[in-house]
Amino acid sequence: MGVEYARWQGDSADALGLHFHDEDQLTLVLRGSRLFQVSSAAVHVRARQCLYIPRGWPHRSLPHCDRGTQCLNAYLPVALGARGPVVLNIADEDGDAGPQALLARIACQLPSVDLLQPTDDAVTLPDLQDVRGRIGAIASRHGLSREAFTRQFSHRIGMPPHAFRIVCRLNHARRRIRSGESLAGLAAELGFADQSHFGRHFRRIFGVTPHAYREAMR
């Protein structure tokens, strides 16, 4: 699978739901600025800066106004190796490079420094990617009550198990939409009540409808 790119421009960015990706993310701000929540920290990314977010790291766009903002996101299937999120400044000598060339250079030079403390991975995350598994049963395997498991998971991962599971399903859907699969079929297979229910969750997390995302991938 290659690199997926997504452009955003506007005067006012909306809030998205807390989520994570299966790929490493680079957000390059070309003009204006963007505001993000990365775990529990608010991160302001200005023009000529790039935010790196490792795969699996909870984050979301926060409401923010800055006229004429333009940015480019890249989702990379190969891990870049940094231990945590970091904001990088674009070097003066890279000022004339195109956006995709800049992202390639940033990916090659990404330093192993932390913006935030790494997430504790003591909870077994793959358990929650099973749509059919009950959270209470998973908690029992860890020797915890459902309530204690939920508290510990939320503290360590940054989001509750139910929300984590929904994002896992949406990331799975995102990969399969790129392959051209039916939206109605995906909604049913991944446990959503119907295609409308699936679409509402997809837009809340990724900022576009599944149909718009499929058309953009074409």
N, C-alpha and C. Protein backbone atom coordinates (compact mmCIF):
# COMPACT_ATOMS: atom_id res chain seq x y z
N MET A 1 0.84 -1.19 0.00
CA MET A 1 0.00 0.00 0.00
C MET A 1 0.88 1.24 0.00
N GLY A 2 0.52 2.27 -0.80
CA GLY A 2 1.30 3.47 -0.87
C GLY A 2 0.87 4.48 0.16
N VAL A 3 1.46 5.68 0.05
CA VAL A 3 1.15 6.78 0.96
C VAL A 3 -0.19 7.40 0.56
N GLU A 4 -1.04 7.65 1.54
CA GLU A 4 -2.31 8.34 1.30
C GLU A 4 -2.14 9.81 1.67
N TYR A 5 -2.57 10.71 0.77
CA TYR A 5 -2.49 12.15 1.02
C TYR A 5 -3.90 12.73 1.16
N ALA A 6 -4.01 13.75 2.00
CA ALA A 6 -5.28 14.46 2.16
C ALA A 6 -4.97 15.95 2.34
N ARG A 7 -5.58 16.78 1.50
CA ARG A 7 -5.39 18.22 1.61
C ARG A 7 -6.55 18.85 2.38
N TRP A 8 -6.25 19.89 3.13
CA TRP A 8 -7.30 20.66 3.82
C TRP A 8 -6.98 22.13 3.66
N GLN A 9 -8.01 22.93 3.37
CA GLN A 9 -7.84 24.38 3.36
C GLN A 9 -9.15 25.03 3.78
N GLY A 10 -9.01 26.20 4.40
CA GLY A 10 -10.18 26.92 4.86
C GLY A 10 -9.81 27.97 5.89
N ASP A 11 -10.84 28.65 6.38
CA ASP A 11 -10.62 29.69 7.40
C ASP A 11 -10.91 29.19 8.80
N SER A 12 -11.67 28.09 8.92
CA SER A 12 -12.10 27.62 10.23
C SER A 12 -12.16 26.11 10.22
N ALA A 13 -11.39 25.48 11.11
CA ALA A 13 -11.36 24.02 11.22
C ALA A 13 -12.34 23.58 12.30
N ASP A 14 -13.08 22.53 12.02
CA ASP A 14 -14.03 21.97 12.98
C ASP A 14 -13.35 20.95 13.88
N ALA A 15 -14.03 20.64 14.99
CA ALA A 15 -13.55 19.59 15.89
C ALA A 15 -13.90 18.23 15.31
N LEU A 16 -12.98 17.28 15.42
CA LEU A 16 -13.25 15.89 15.07
C LEU A 16 -13.25 15.06 16.35
N GLY A 17 -13.80 13.86 16.28
CA GLY A 17 -13.78 12.97 17.42
C GLY A 17 -12.38 12.43 17.67
N LEU A 18 -12.08 12.11 18.93
CA LEU A 18 -10.79 11.53 19.27
C LEU A 18 -10.63 10.21 18.53
N HIS A 19 -9.48 10.02 17.87
CA HIS A 19 -9.26 8.83 17.07
C HIS A 19 -7.78 8.56 16.91
N PHE A 20 -7.46 7.52 16.20
CA PHE A 20 -6.06 7.19 15.89
C PHE A 20 -6.06 6.55 14.51
N HIS A 21 -4.87 6.37 13.95
CA HIS A 21 -4.74 5.75 12.64
C HIS A 21 -3.84 4.52 12.73
N ASP A 22 -3.99 3.64 11.76
CA ASP A 22 -3.10 2.48 11.65
C ASP A 22 -1.78 2.86 10.99
N GLU A 23 -1.70 4.08 10.46
CA GLU A 23 -0.49 4.56 9.80
C GLU A 23 0.12 5.72 10.60
N ASP A 24 1.41 5.96 10.41
CA ASP A 24 2.02 7.19 10.93
C ASP A 24 1.47 8.37 10.14
N GLN A 25 1.24 9.49 10.83
CA GLN A 25 0.65 10.67 10.19
C GLN A 25 1.62 11.84 10.24
N LEU A 26 1.74 12.55 9.12
CA LEU A 26 2.45 13.82 9.04
C LEU A 26 1.46 14.88 8.59
N THR A 27 1.34 15.96 9.35
CA THR A 27 0.48 17.09 8.97
C THR A 27 1.36 18.30 8.75
N LEU A 28 1.50 18.69 7.49
CA LEU A 28 2.34 19.82 7.10
C LEU A 28 1.46 21.04 6.90
N VAL A 29 1.68 22.09 7.68
CA VAL A 29 0.91 23.33 7.55
C VAL A 29 1.67 24.26 6.60
N LEU A 30 1.05 24.57 5.47
CA LEU A 30 1.68 25.41 4.45
C LEU A 30 1.39 26.88 4.69
N ARG A 31 0.16 27.19 5.13
CA ARG A 31 -0.24 28.56 5.46
C ARG A 31 -1.16 28.52 6.67
N GLY A 32 -1.21 29.63 7.39
CA GLY A 32 -2.10 29.71 8.54
C GLY A 32 -1.63 28.84 9.68
N SER A 33 -2.57 28.14 10.35
CA SER A 33 -2.21 27.29 11.47
C SER A 33 -3.35 26.33 11.77
N ARG A 34 -3.05 25.26 12.50
CA ARG A 34 -4.04 24.28 12.95
C ARG A 34 -3.83 24.02 14.43
N LEU A 35 -4.90 23.57 15.08
CA LEU A 35 -4.84 23.25 16.51
C LEU A 35 -5.31 21.82 16.69
N PHE A 36 -4.53 21.02 17.44
CA PHE A 36 -4.84 19.62 17.66
C PHE A 36 -4.78 19.28 19.14
N GLN A 37 -5.55 18.29 19.52
CA GLN A 37 -5.37 17.62 20.80
C GLN A 37 -4.64 16.33 20.52
N VAL A 38 -3.47 16.16 21.15
CA VAL A 38 -2.69 14.94 21.00
C VAL A 38 -2.57 14.33 22.38
N SER A 39 -3.25 13.20 22.62
CA SER A 39 -3.47 12.69 23.97
C SER A 39 -4.18 13.78 24.76
N SER A 40 -3.56 14.30 25.82
CA SER A 40 -4.24 15.32 26.62
C SER A 40 -3.70 16.73 26.38
N ALA A 41 -2.76 16.89 25.45
CA ALA A 41 -2.12 18.19 25.23
C ALA A 41 -2.70 18.88 24.00
N ALA A 42 -2.83 20.21 24.07
CA ALA A 42 -3.22 21.02 22.92
C ALA A 42 -1.95 21.42 22.18
N VAL A 43 -1.90 21.17 20.88
CA VAL A 43 -0.70 21.41 20.08
C VAL A 43 -1.05 22.36 18.94
N HIS A 44 -0.41 23.53 18.93
CA HIS A 44 -0.64 24.55 17.89
C HIS A 44 0.44 24.39 16.83
N VAL A 45 0.03 24.07 15.61
CA VAL A 45 0.97 23.86 14.51
C VAL A 45 0.85 25.04 13.56
N ARG A 46 1.92 25.78 13.38
CA ARG A 46 1.91 27.00 12.59
C ARG A 46 2.48 26.75 11.19
N ALA A 47 2.37 27.77 10.34
CA ALA A 47 2.91 27.68 8.99
C ALA A 47 4.39 27.33 9.03
N ARG A 48 4.80 26.48 8.09
CA ARG A 48 6.18 26.00 7.99
C ARG A 48 6.55 25.10 9.18
N GLN A 49 5.54 24.42 9.72
CA GLN A 49 5.77 23.40 10.72
C GLN A 49 5.04 22.12 10.30
N CYS A 50 5.53 21.00 10.82
CA CYS A 50 4.93 19.70 10.52
C CYS A 50 4.74 18.93 11.82
N LEU A 51 3.53 18.42 12.03
CA LEU A 51 3.22 17.60 13.20
C LEU A 51 3.31 16.13 12.81
N TYR A 52 4.12 15.38 13.56
CA TYR A 52 4.21 13.93 13.38
C TYR A 52 3.43 13.25 14.50
N ILE A 53 2.53 12.32 14.14
CA ILE A 53 1.76 11.54 15.10
C ILE A 53 1.97 10.06 14.79
N PRO A 54 2.54 9.29 15.70
CA PRO A 54 2.74 7.86 15.44
C PRO A 54 1.42 7.11 15.33
N ARG A 55 1.43 6.01 14.63
CA ARG A 55 0.24 5.17 14.52
C ARG A 55 -0.24 4.74 15.90
N GLY A 56 -1.56 4.68 16.06
CA GLY A 56 -2.14 4.25 17.33
C GLY A 56 -2.19 5.32 18.40
N TRP A 57 -1.77 6.56 18.09
CA TRP A 57 -1.72 7.62 19.10
C TRP A 57 -3.00 8.46 19.02
N PRO A 58 -3.83 8.50 20.09
CA PRO A 58 -5.09 9.26 20.03
C PRO A 58 -4.86 10.75 19.81
N HIS A 59 -5.67 11.32 18.93
CA HIS A 59 -5.56 12.74 18.63
C HIS A 59 -6.86 13.20 17.97
N ARG A 60 -7.03 14.50 17.83
CA ARG A 60 -8.16 15.05 17.09
C ARG A 60 -7.89 16.50 16.74
N SER A 61 -8.56 16.98 15.71
CA SER A 61 -8.54 18.39 15.35
C SER A 61 -9.42 19.15 16.33
N LEU A 62 -8.96 20.32 16.78
CA LEU A 62 -9.74 21.18 17.66
C LEU A 62 -10.26 22.38 16.87
N PRO A 63 -11.40 22.97 17.30
CA PRO A 63 -11.92 24.16 16.61
C PRO A 63 -10.87 25.27 16.61
N HIS A 64 -10.65 25.86 15.43
CA HIS A 64 -9.58 26.87 15.32
C HIS A 64 -9.83 27.71 14.08
N CYS A 65 -9.66 29.01 14.21
CA CYS A 65 -9.85 29.93 13.09
C CYS A 65 -8.53 30.61 12.72
N ASP A 66 -8.17 30.52 11.47
CA ASP A 66 -7.00 31.24 10.93
C ASP A 66 -7.21 31.31 9.42
N ARG A 67 -7.47 32.51 8.91
CA ARG A 67 -7.89 32.67 7.52
C ARG A 67 -6.81 32.17 6.56
N GLY A 68 -7.28 31.47 5.52
CA GLY A 68 -6.38 31.03 4.47
C GLY A 68 -5.48 29.86 4.84
N THR A 69 -5.88 29.09 5.85
CA THR A 69 -5.04 27.96 6.25
C THR A 69 -5.04 26.88 5.18
N GLN A 70 -3.87 26.33 4.93
CA GLN A 70 -3.70 25.21 4.00
C GLN A 70 -2.76 24.20 4.64
N CYS A 71 -3.15 22.93 4.57
CA CYS A 71 -2.26 21.91 5.10
C CYS A 71 -2.39 20.63 4.28
N LEU A 72 -1.40 19.79 4.40
CA LEU A 72 -1.36 18.51 3.69
C LEU A 72 -1.06 17.42 4.70
N ASN A 73 -1.94 16.39 4.74
CA ASN A 73 -1.70 15.22 5.59
C ASN A 73 -1.16 14.08 4.75
N ALA A 74 -0.23 13.33 5.32
CA ALA A 74 0.26 12.11 4.70
C ALA A 74 0.15 10.98 5.71
N TYR A 75 -0.38 9.84 5.27
CA TYR A 75 -0.53 8.66 6.12
C TYR A 75 0.39 7.59 5.56
N LEU A 76 1.39 7.21 6.35
CA LEU A 76 2.48 6.38 5.84
C LEU A 76 2.38 4.97 6.39
N PRO A 77 2.41 3.96 5.52
CA PRO A 77 2.30 2.57 5.99
C PRO A 77 3.54 2.06 6.69
N VAL A 78 4.67 2.75 6.56
CA VAL A 78 5.92 2.34 7.19
C VAL A 78 6.16 3.21 8.42
N ALA A 79 6.41 2.58 9.56
CA ALA A 79 6.66 3.34 10.80
C ALA A 79 7.95 4.15 10.67
N LEU A 80 7.90 5.41 11.11
CA LEU A 80 9.05 6.31 10.98
C LEU A 80 10.00 6.21 12.17
N GLY A 81 9.56 5.61 13.27
CA GLY A 81 10.50 5.27 14.33
C GLY A 81 10.60 6.23 15.49
N ALA A 82 9.98 7.40 15.45
CA ALA A 82 10.05 8.30 16.60
C ALA A 82 9.19 7.75 17.73
N ARG A 83 9.57 8.04 18.98
CA ARG A 83 8.91 7.45 20.14
C ARG A 83 7.59 8.12 20.47
N GLY A 84 7.36 9.32 19.96
CA GLY A 84 6.12 10.01 20.28
C GLY A 84 5.89 11.17 19.34
N PRO A 85 4.76 11.86 19.49
CA PRO A 85 4.47 13.01 18.62
C PRO A 85 5.51 14.11 18.76
N VAL A 86 5.74 14.83 17.68
CA VAL A 86 6.70 15.92 17.70
C VAL A 86 6.32 16.93 16.62
N VAL A 87 6.57 18.23 16.89
CA VAL A 87 6.38 19.28 15.90
C VAL A 87 7.75 19.68 15.37
N LEU A 88 7.90 19.64 14.05
CA LEU A 88 9.16 19.96 13.41
C LEU A 88 9.05 21.25 12.62
N ASN A 89 10.09 22.06 12.67
CA ASN A 89 10.17 23.27 11.85
C ASN A 89 10.78 22.93 10.50
N ILE A 90 10.29 23.59 9.45
CA ILE A 90 10.83 23.38 8.12
C ILE A 90 12.10 24.21 7.97
N ALA A 91 13.18 23.57 7.58
CA ALA A 91 14.45 24.27 7.45
C ALA A 91 14.40 25.28 6.31
N ASP A 92 15.16 26.37 6.46
CA ASP A 92 15.17 27.43 5.44
C ASP A 92 15.55 26.90 4.06
N GLU A 93 16.49 25.93 4.04
CA GLU A 93 16.95 25.42 2.75
C GLU A 93 15.88 24.58 2.06
N ASP A 94 14.83 24.19 2.80
CA ASP A 94 13.75 23.42 2.21
C ASP A 94 12.57 24.29 1.78
N GLY A 95 12.73 25.61 1.90
CA GLY A 95 11.61 26.52 1.67
C GLY A 95 11.04 26.47 0.26
N ASP A 96 11.85 26.12 -0.72
CA ASP A 96 11.38 26.12 -2.11
C ASP A 96 10.90 24.75 -2.58
N ALA A 97 10.99 23.75 -1.71
CA ALA A 97 10.57 22.41 -2.10
C ALA A 97 9.05 22.31 -2.12
N GLY A 98 8.51 21.45 -2.97
CA GLY A 98 7.08 21.21 -2.99
C GLY A 98 6.63 20.47 -1.74
N PRO A 99 5.31 20.51 -1.43
CA PRO A 99 4.81 19.89 -0.19
C PRO A 99 5.16 18.42 -0.05
N GLN A 100 5.00 17.63 -1.13
CA GLN A 100 5.27 16.20 -1.02
C GLN A 100 6.76 15.94 -0.86
N ALA A 101 7.60 16.75 -1.50
CA ALA A 101 9.04 16.62 -1.32
C ALA A 101 9.43 16.97 0.11
N LEU A 102 8.77 18.00 0.68
CA LEU A 102 9.04 18.36 2.07
C LEU A 102 8.69 17.21 3.01
N LEU A 103 7.54 16.59 2.79
CA LEU A 103 7.13 15.48 3.65
C LEU A 103 8.12 14.33 3.55
N ALA A 104 8.63 14.06 2.35
CA ALA A 104 9.60 12.99 2.18
C ALA A 104 10.87 13.29 2.95
N ARG A 105 11.32 14.55 2.91
CA ARG A 105 12.54 14.92 3.64
C ARG A 105 12.32 14.83 5.15
N ILE A 106 11.15 15.30 5.61
CA ILE A 106 10.84 15.24 7.04
C ILE A 106 10.81 13.79 7.51
N ALA A 107 10.19 12.91 6.71
CA ALA A 107 10.10 11.50 7.08
C ALA A 107 11.49 10.88 7.23
N CYS A 108 12.42 11.27 6.37
CA CYS A 108 13.78 10.72 6.42
C CYS A 108 14.58 11.25 7.59
N GLN A 109 14.26 12.47 8.04
CA GLN A 109 15.07 13.14 9.05
C GLN A 109 14.41 13.17 10.43
N LEU A 110 13.25 12.52 10.57
CA LEU A 110 12.49 12.62 11.80
C LEU A 110 13.32 12.20 13.01
N PRO A 111 13.50 13.08 13.98
CA PRO A 111 14.32 12.73 15.14
C PRO A 111 13.52 11.90 16.14
N SER A 112 14.21 11.14 16.96
CA SER A 112 13.56 10.33 17.99
C SER A 112 13.45 11.15 19.28
N VAL A 113 12.54 12.13 19.25
CA VAL A 113 12.29 12.96 20.42
C VAL A 113 10.80 12.93 20.72
N ASP A 114 10.45 13.19 21.99
CA ASP A 114 9.06 13.12 22.42
C ASP A 114 8.48 14.50 22.64
N LEU A 115 7.26 14.68 22.17
CA LEU A 115 6.47 15.85 22.56
C LEU A 115 5.68 15.53 23.82
N LEU A 116 5.19 14.28 23.90
CA LEU A 116 4.42 13.80 25.04
C LEU A 116 5.02 12.49 25.52
N GLN A 117 4.67 12.07 26.72
CA GLN A 117 5.14 10.80 27.23
C GLN A 117 4.51 9.66 26.45
N PRO A 118 5.26 8.60 26.16
CA PRO A 118 4.69 7.47 25.43
C PRO A 118 3.52 6.84 26.20
N THR A 119 2.57 6.30 25.47
CA THR A 119 1.46 5.61 26.07
C THR A 119 1.91 4.29 26.68
N ASP A 120 1.44 3.99 27.88
CA ASP A 120 1.69 2.69 28.51
C ASP A 120 0.90 1.62 27.76
N ASP A 121 1.59 0.59 27.28
CA ASP A 121 0.91 -0.41 26.46
C ASP A 121 0.62 -1.69 27.23
N ALA A 122 0.44 -1.60 28.56
CA ALA A 122 0.21 -2.79 29.37
C ALA A 122 -1.10 -3.48 29.04
N VAL A 123 -2.10 -2.74 28.57
CA VAL A 123 -3.36 -3.35 28.15
C VAL A 123 -3.16 -4.01 26.79
N THR A 124 -3.69 -5.19 26.62
CA THR A 124 -3.56 -5.91 25.35
C THR A 124 -4.54 -5.34 24.33
N LEU A 125 -4.06 -4.47 23.46
CA LEU A 125 -4.94 -3.76 22.55
C LEU A 125 -5.62 -4.66 21.52
N PRO A 126 -4.96 -5.67 20.94
CA PRO A 126 -5.65 -6.45 19.90
C PRO A 126 -6.95 -7.08 20.36
N ASP A 127 -7.11 -7.36 21.66
CA ASP A 127 -8.37 -7.93 22.15
C ASP A 127 -9.57 -7.09 21.73
N LEU A 128 -9.43 -5.79 21.79
CA LEU A 128 -10.56 -4.90 21.55
C LEU A 128 -10.86 -4.71 20.07
N GLN A 129 -10.01 -5.21 19.20
CA GLN A 129 -10.29 -5.08 17.77
C GLN A 129 -11.26 -6.16 17.29
N ASP A 130 -11.58 -7.11 18.15
CA ASP A 130 -12.58 -8.12 17.82
C ASP A 130 -13.96 -7.56 18.10
N VAL A 131 -14.75 -7.35 17.04
CA VAL A 131 -16.08 -6.76 17.18
C VAL A 131 -16.97 -7.60 18.07
N ARG A 132 -16.76 -8.91 18.06
CA ARG A 132 -17.67 -9.81 18.77
C ARG A 132 -17.33 -9.98 20.24
N GLY A 133 -16.09 -9.72 20.63
CA GLY A 133 -15.69 -9.95 22.01
C GLY A 133 -16.35 -8.96 22.97
N ARG A 134 -16.85 -9.45 24.08
CA ARG A 134 -17.45 -8.58 25.09
C ARG A 134 -16.36 -7.97 25.96
N ILE A 135 -16.51 -6.68 26.27
CA ILE A 135 -15.50 -5.98 27.06
C ILE A 135 -15.41 -6.60 28.45
N GLY A 136 -16.55 -7.03 29.02
CA GLY A 136 -16.52 -7.67 30.33
C GLY A 136 -15.68 -8.93 30.33
N ALA A 137 -15.77 -9.73 29.24
CA ALA A 137 -14.98 -10.96 29.14
C ALA A 137 -13.49 -10.64 29.00
N ILE A 138 -13.17 -9.59 28.24
CA ILE A 138 -11.77 -9.17 28.09
C ILE A 138 -11.23 -8.72 29.44
N ALA A 139 -12.04 -7.96 30.19
CA ALA A 139 -11.62 -7.50 31.52
C ALA A 139 -11.34 -8.69 32.43
N SER A 140 -12.18 -9.72 32.36
CA SER A 140 -11.99 -10.91 33.20
C SER A 140 -10.68 -11.60 32.89
N ARG A 141 -10.30 -11.63 31.61
CA ARG A 141 -9.02 -12.25 31.24
C ARG A 141 -7.84 -11.51 31.83
N HIS A 142 -8.05 -10.21 32.12
CA HIS A 142 -7.01 -9.41 32.76
C HIS A 142 -7.16 -9.41 34.28
N GLY A 143 -8.12 -10.17 34.79
CA GLY A 143 -8.32 -10.24 36.23
C GLY A 143 -8.93 -8.98 36.81
N LEU A 144 -9.74 -8.25 36.02
CA LEU A 144 -10.31 -6.98 36.44
C LEU A 144 -11.82 -7.00 36.23
N SER A 145 -12.52 -6.15 37.01
CA SER A 145 -13.92 -5.90 36.71
C SER A 145 -14.01 -5.05 35.44
N ARG A 146 -15.18 -5.02 34.83
CA ARG A 146 -15.38 -4.19 33.64
C ARG A 146 -15.05 -2.73 33.95
N GLU A 147 -15.51 -2.24 35.11
CA GLU A 147 -15.30 -0.83 35.48
C GLU A 147 -13.82 -0.53 35.68
N ALA A 148 -13.10 -1.43 36.37
CA ALA A 148 -11.67 -1.20 36.61
C ALA A 148 -10.88 -1.26 35.31
N PHE A 149 -11.24 -2.22 34.46
CA PHE A 149 -10.57 -2.33 33.16
C PHE A 149 -10.78 -1.06 32.34
N THR A 150 -12.02 -0.56 32.33
CA THR A 150 -12.33 0.65 31.56
C THR A 150 -11.54 1.84 32.08
N ARG A 151 -11.44 1.98 33.41
CA ARG A 151 -10.67 3.10 33.98
C ARG A 151 -9.20 3.00 33.58
N GLN A 152 -8.62 1.81 33.74
CA GLN A 152 -7.19 1.65 33.42
C GLN A 152 -6.93 1.84 31.93
N PHE A 153 -7.79 1.28 31.11
CA PHE A 153 -7.63 1.42 29.66
C PHE A 153 -7.72 2.89 29.25
N SER A 154 -8.71 3.61 29.77
CA SER A 154 -8.89 5.02 29.43
C SER A 154 -7.69 5.84 29.85
N HIS A 155 -7.12 5.54 31.02
CA HIS A 155 -5.95 6.28 31.50
C HIS A 155 -4.73 6.01 30.64
N ARG A 156 -4.54 4.76 30.25
CA ARG A 156 -3.32 4.39 29.52
C ARG A 156 -3.39 4.72 28.04
N ILE A 157 -4.58 4.56 27.45
CA ILE A 157 -4.70 4.73 26.01
C ILE A 157 -5.22 6.11 25.63
N GLY A 158 -5.99 6.74 26.53
CA GLY A 158 -6.49 8.08 26.24
C GLY A 158 -7.92 8.11 25.76
N MET A 159 -8.56 6.95 25.67
CA MET A 159 -9.96 6.87 25.26
C MET A 159 -10.54 5.58 25.83
N PRO A 160 -11.84 5.52 26.10
CA PRO A 160 -12.44 4.32 26.69
C PRO A 160 -12.48 3.17 25.69
N PRO A 161 -12.62 1.93 26.20
CA PRO A 161 -12.59 0.76 25.31
C PRO A 161 -13.64 0.80 24.21
N HIS A 162 -14.85 1.25 24.52
CA HIS A 162 -15.90 1.27 23.50
C HIS A 162 -15.53 2.21 22.36
N ALA A 163 -15.01 3.40 22.68
CA ALA A 163 -14.60 4.34 21.65
C ALA A 163 -13.42 3.81 20.85
N PHE A 164 -12.48 3.16 21.54
CA PHE A 164 -11.32 2.57 20.86
C PHE A 164 -11.78 1.53 19.84
N ARG A 165 -12.76 0.70 20.25
CA ARG A 165 -13.25 -0.36 19.37
C ARG A 165 -13.93 0.24 18.13
N ILE A 166 -14.69 1.32 18.30
CA ILE A 166 -15.35 1.95 17.15
C ILE A 166 -14.31 2.47 16.16
N VAL A 167 -13.24 3.10 16.67
CA VAL A 167 -12.22 3.63 15.78
C VAL A 167 -11.48 2.49 15.06
N CYS A 168 -11.25 1.37 15.76
CA CYS A 168 -10.66 0.21 15.10
C CYS A 168 -11.51 -0.22 13.91
N ARG A 169 -12.83 -0.27 14.11
CA ARG A 169 -13.74 -0.68 13.03
C ARG A 169 -13.71 0.33 11.89
N LEU A 170 -13.65 1.62 12.23
CA LEU A 170 -13.63 2.65 11.19
C LEU A 170 -12.33 2.63 10.41
N ASN A 171 -11.20 2.39 11.08
CA ASN A 171 -9.93 2.28 10.37
C ASN A 171 -9.96 1.07 9.43
N HIS A 172 -10.56 -0.02 9.89
CA HIS A 172 -10.69 -1.20 9.03
C HIS A 172 -11.55 -0.87 7.81
N ALA A 173 -12.65 -0.14 8.05
CA ALA A 173 -13.52 0.27 6.94
C ALA A 173 -12.77 1.17 5.97
N ARG A 174 -11.98 2.07 6.50
CA ARG A 174 -11.23 3.01 5.65
C ARG A 174 -10.31 2.25 4.68
N ARG A 175 -9.63 1.23 5.18
CA ARG A 175 -8.75 0.44 4.32
C ARG A 175 -9.56 -0.26 3.22
N ARG A 176 -10.72 -0.79 3.59
CA ARG A 176 -11.49 -1.56 2.62
C ARG A 176 -12.24 -0.66 1.64
N ILE A 177 -12.59 0.55 2.05
CA ILE A 177 -13.18 1.49 1.11
C ILE A 177 -12.18 1.82 0.00
N ARG A 178 -10.91 1.94 0.37
CA ARG A 178 -9.88 2.19 -0.63
C ARG A 178 -9.80 1.07 -1.66
N SER A 179 -10.24 -0.12 -1.27
CA SER A 179 -10.24 -1.27 -2.19
C SER A 179 -11.52 -1.37 -3.00
N GLY A 180 -12.46 -0.42 -2.77
CA GLY A 180 -13.67 -0.36 -3.57
C GLY A 180 -14.83 -1.18 -3.06
N GLU A 181 -14.82 -1.59 -1.79
CA GLU A 181 -15.90 -2.43 -1.27
C GLU A 181 -17.18 -1.63 -1.03
N SER A 182 -18.30 -2.32 -1.01
CA SER A 182 -19.61 -1.71 -0.83
C SER A 182 -19.74 -1.08 0.55
N LEU A 183 -20.27 0.16 0.60
CA LEU A 183 -20.45 0.83 1.88
C LEU A 183 -21.52 0.14 2.72
N ALA A 184 -22.62 -0.26 2.09
CA ALA A 184 -23.68 -0.94 2.83
C ALA A 184 -23.18 -2.27 3.39
N GLY A 185 -22.41 -3.00 2.60
CA GLY A 185 -21.87 -4.27 3.06
C GLY A 185 -20.91 -4.10 4.22
N LEU A 186 -20.06 -3.08 4.16
CA LEU A 186 -19.13 -2.81 5.26
C LEU A 186 -19.87 -2.44 6.53
N ALA A 187 -20.90 -1.59 6.41
CA ALA A 187 -21.67 -1.17 7.58
C ALA A 187 -22.23 -2.39 8.30
N ALA A 188 -22.81 -3.32 7.55
CA ALA A 188 -23.40 -4.51 8.16
C ALA A 188 -22.33 -5.43 8.75
N GLU A 189 -21.27 -5.65 8.01
CA GLU A 189 -20.23 -6.58 8.45
C GLU A 189 -19.52 -6.09 9.71
N LEU A 190 -19.34 -4.76 9.82
CA LEU A 190 -18.58 -4.21 10.94
C LEU A 190 -19.44 -3.83 12.13
N GLY A 191 -20.72 -4.20 12.11
CA GLY A 191 -21.54 -4.09 13.30
C GLY A 191 -22.26 -2.78 13.49
N PHE A 192 -22.37 -1.95 12.45
CA PHE A 192 -23.14 -0.71 12.56
C PHE A 192 -24.61 -1.01 12.25
N ALA A 193 -25.50 -0.21 12.84
CA ALA A 193 -26.93 -0.47 12.70
C ALA A 193 -27.37 -0.43 11.25
N ASP A 194 -26.85 0.52 10.49
CA ASP A 194 -27.16 0.65 9.07
C ASP A 194 -26.12 1.56 8.44
N GLN A 195 -26.25 1.83 7.15
CA GLN A 195 -25.25 2.64 6.45
C GLN A 195 -25.23 4.07 6.97
N SER A 196 -26.39 4.61 7.38
CA SER A 196 -26.46 5.96 7.92
C SER A 196 -25.69 6.06 9.24
N HIS A 197 -25.86 5.05 10.10
CA HIS A 197 -25.16 5.00 11.38
C HIS A 197 -23.65 4.94 11.15
N PHE A 198 -23.23 4.10 10.21
CA PHE A 198 -21.83 4.00 9.84
C PHE A 198 -21.30 5.35 9.33
N GLY A 199 -22.08 6.01 8.48
CA GLY A 199 -21.65 7.29 7.91
C GLY A 199 -21.49 8.37 8.95
N ARG A 200 -22.39 8.42 9.94
CA ARG A 200 -22.28 9.44 10.99
C ARG A 200 -20.98 9.27 11.79
N HIS A 201 -20.68 8.03 12.16
CA HIS A 201 -19.44 7.78 12.90
C HIS A 201 -18.21 8.11 12.05
N PHE A 202 -18.22 7.72 10.80
CA PHE A 202 -17.09 7.94 9.91
C PHE A 202 -16.81 9.44 9.76
N ARG A 203 -17.88 10.22 9.56
CA ARG A 203 -17.70 11.66 9.40
C ARG A 203 -17.24 12.33 10.69
N ARG A 204 -17.76 11.87 11.83
CA ARG A 204 -17.36 12.45 13.12
C ARG A 204 -15.87 12.25 13.38
N ILE A 205 -15.33 11.12 12.93
CA ILE A 205 -13.92 10.80 13.19
C ILE A 205 -13.00 11.36 12.12
N PHE A 206 -13.37 11.19 10.85
CA PHE A 206 -12.46 11.54 9.76
C PHE A 206 -12.82 12.83 9.03
N GLY A 207 -13.97 13.42 9.35
CA GLY A 207 -14.32 14.71 8.77
C GLY A 207 -14.95 14.66 7.40
N VAL A 208 -15.13 13.47 6.83
CA VAL A 208 -15.79 13.32 5.53
C VAL A 208 -16.72 12.11 5.60
N THR A 209 -17.68 12.03 4.70
CA THR A 209 -18.54 10.86 4.64
C THR A 209 -17.80 9.70 3.97
N PRO A 210 -18.22 8.47 4.21
CA PRO A 210 -17.60 7.35 3.49
C PRO A 210 -17.68 7.50 1.97
N HIS A 211 -18.82 8.01 1.47
CA HIS A 211 -18.96 8.19 0.03
C HIS A 211 -17.94 9.20 -0.50
N ALA A 212 -17.80 10.35 0.19
CA ALA A 212 -16.83 11.36 -0.24
C ALA A 212 -15.41 10.81 -0.18
N TYR A 213 -15.12 10.03 0.85
CA TYR A 213 -13.79 9.44 0.98
C TYR A 213 -13.52 8.48 -0.19
N ARG A 214 -14.49 7.65 -0.52
CA ARG A 214 -14.33 6.71 -1.64
C ARG A 214 -14.10 7.45 -2.94
N GLU A 215 -14.85 8.53 -3.18
CA GLU A 215 -14.69 9.29 -4.42
C GLU A 215 -13.31 9.94 -4.47
N ALA A 216 -12.82 10.42 -3.32
CA ALA A 216 -11.49 11.06 -3.28
C ALA A 216 -10.40 10.03 -3.56
N MET A 217 -10.58 8.80 -3.07
CA MET A 217 -9.57 7.76 -3.31
C MET A 217 -9.53 7.34 -4.78
N ARG A 218 -10.64 7.52 -5.49
CA ARG A 218 -10.65 7.21 -6.92
C ARG A 218 -9.83 8.21 -7.72
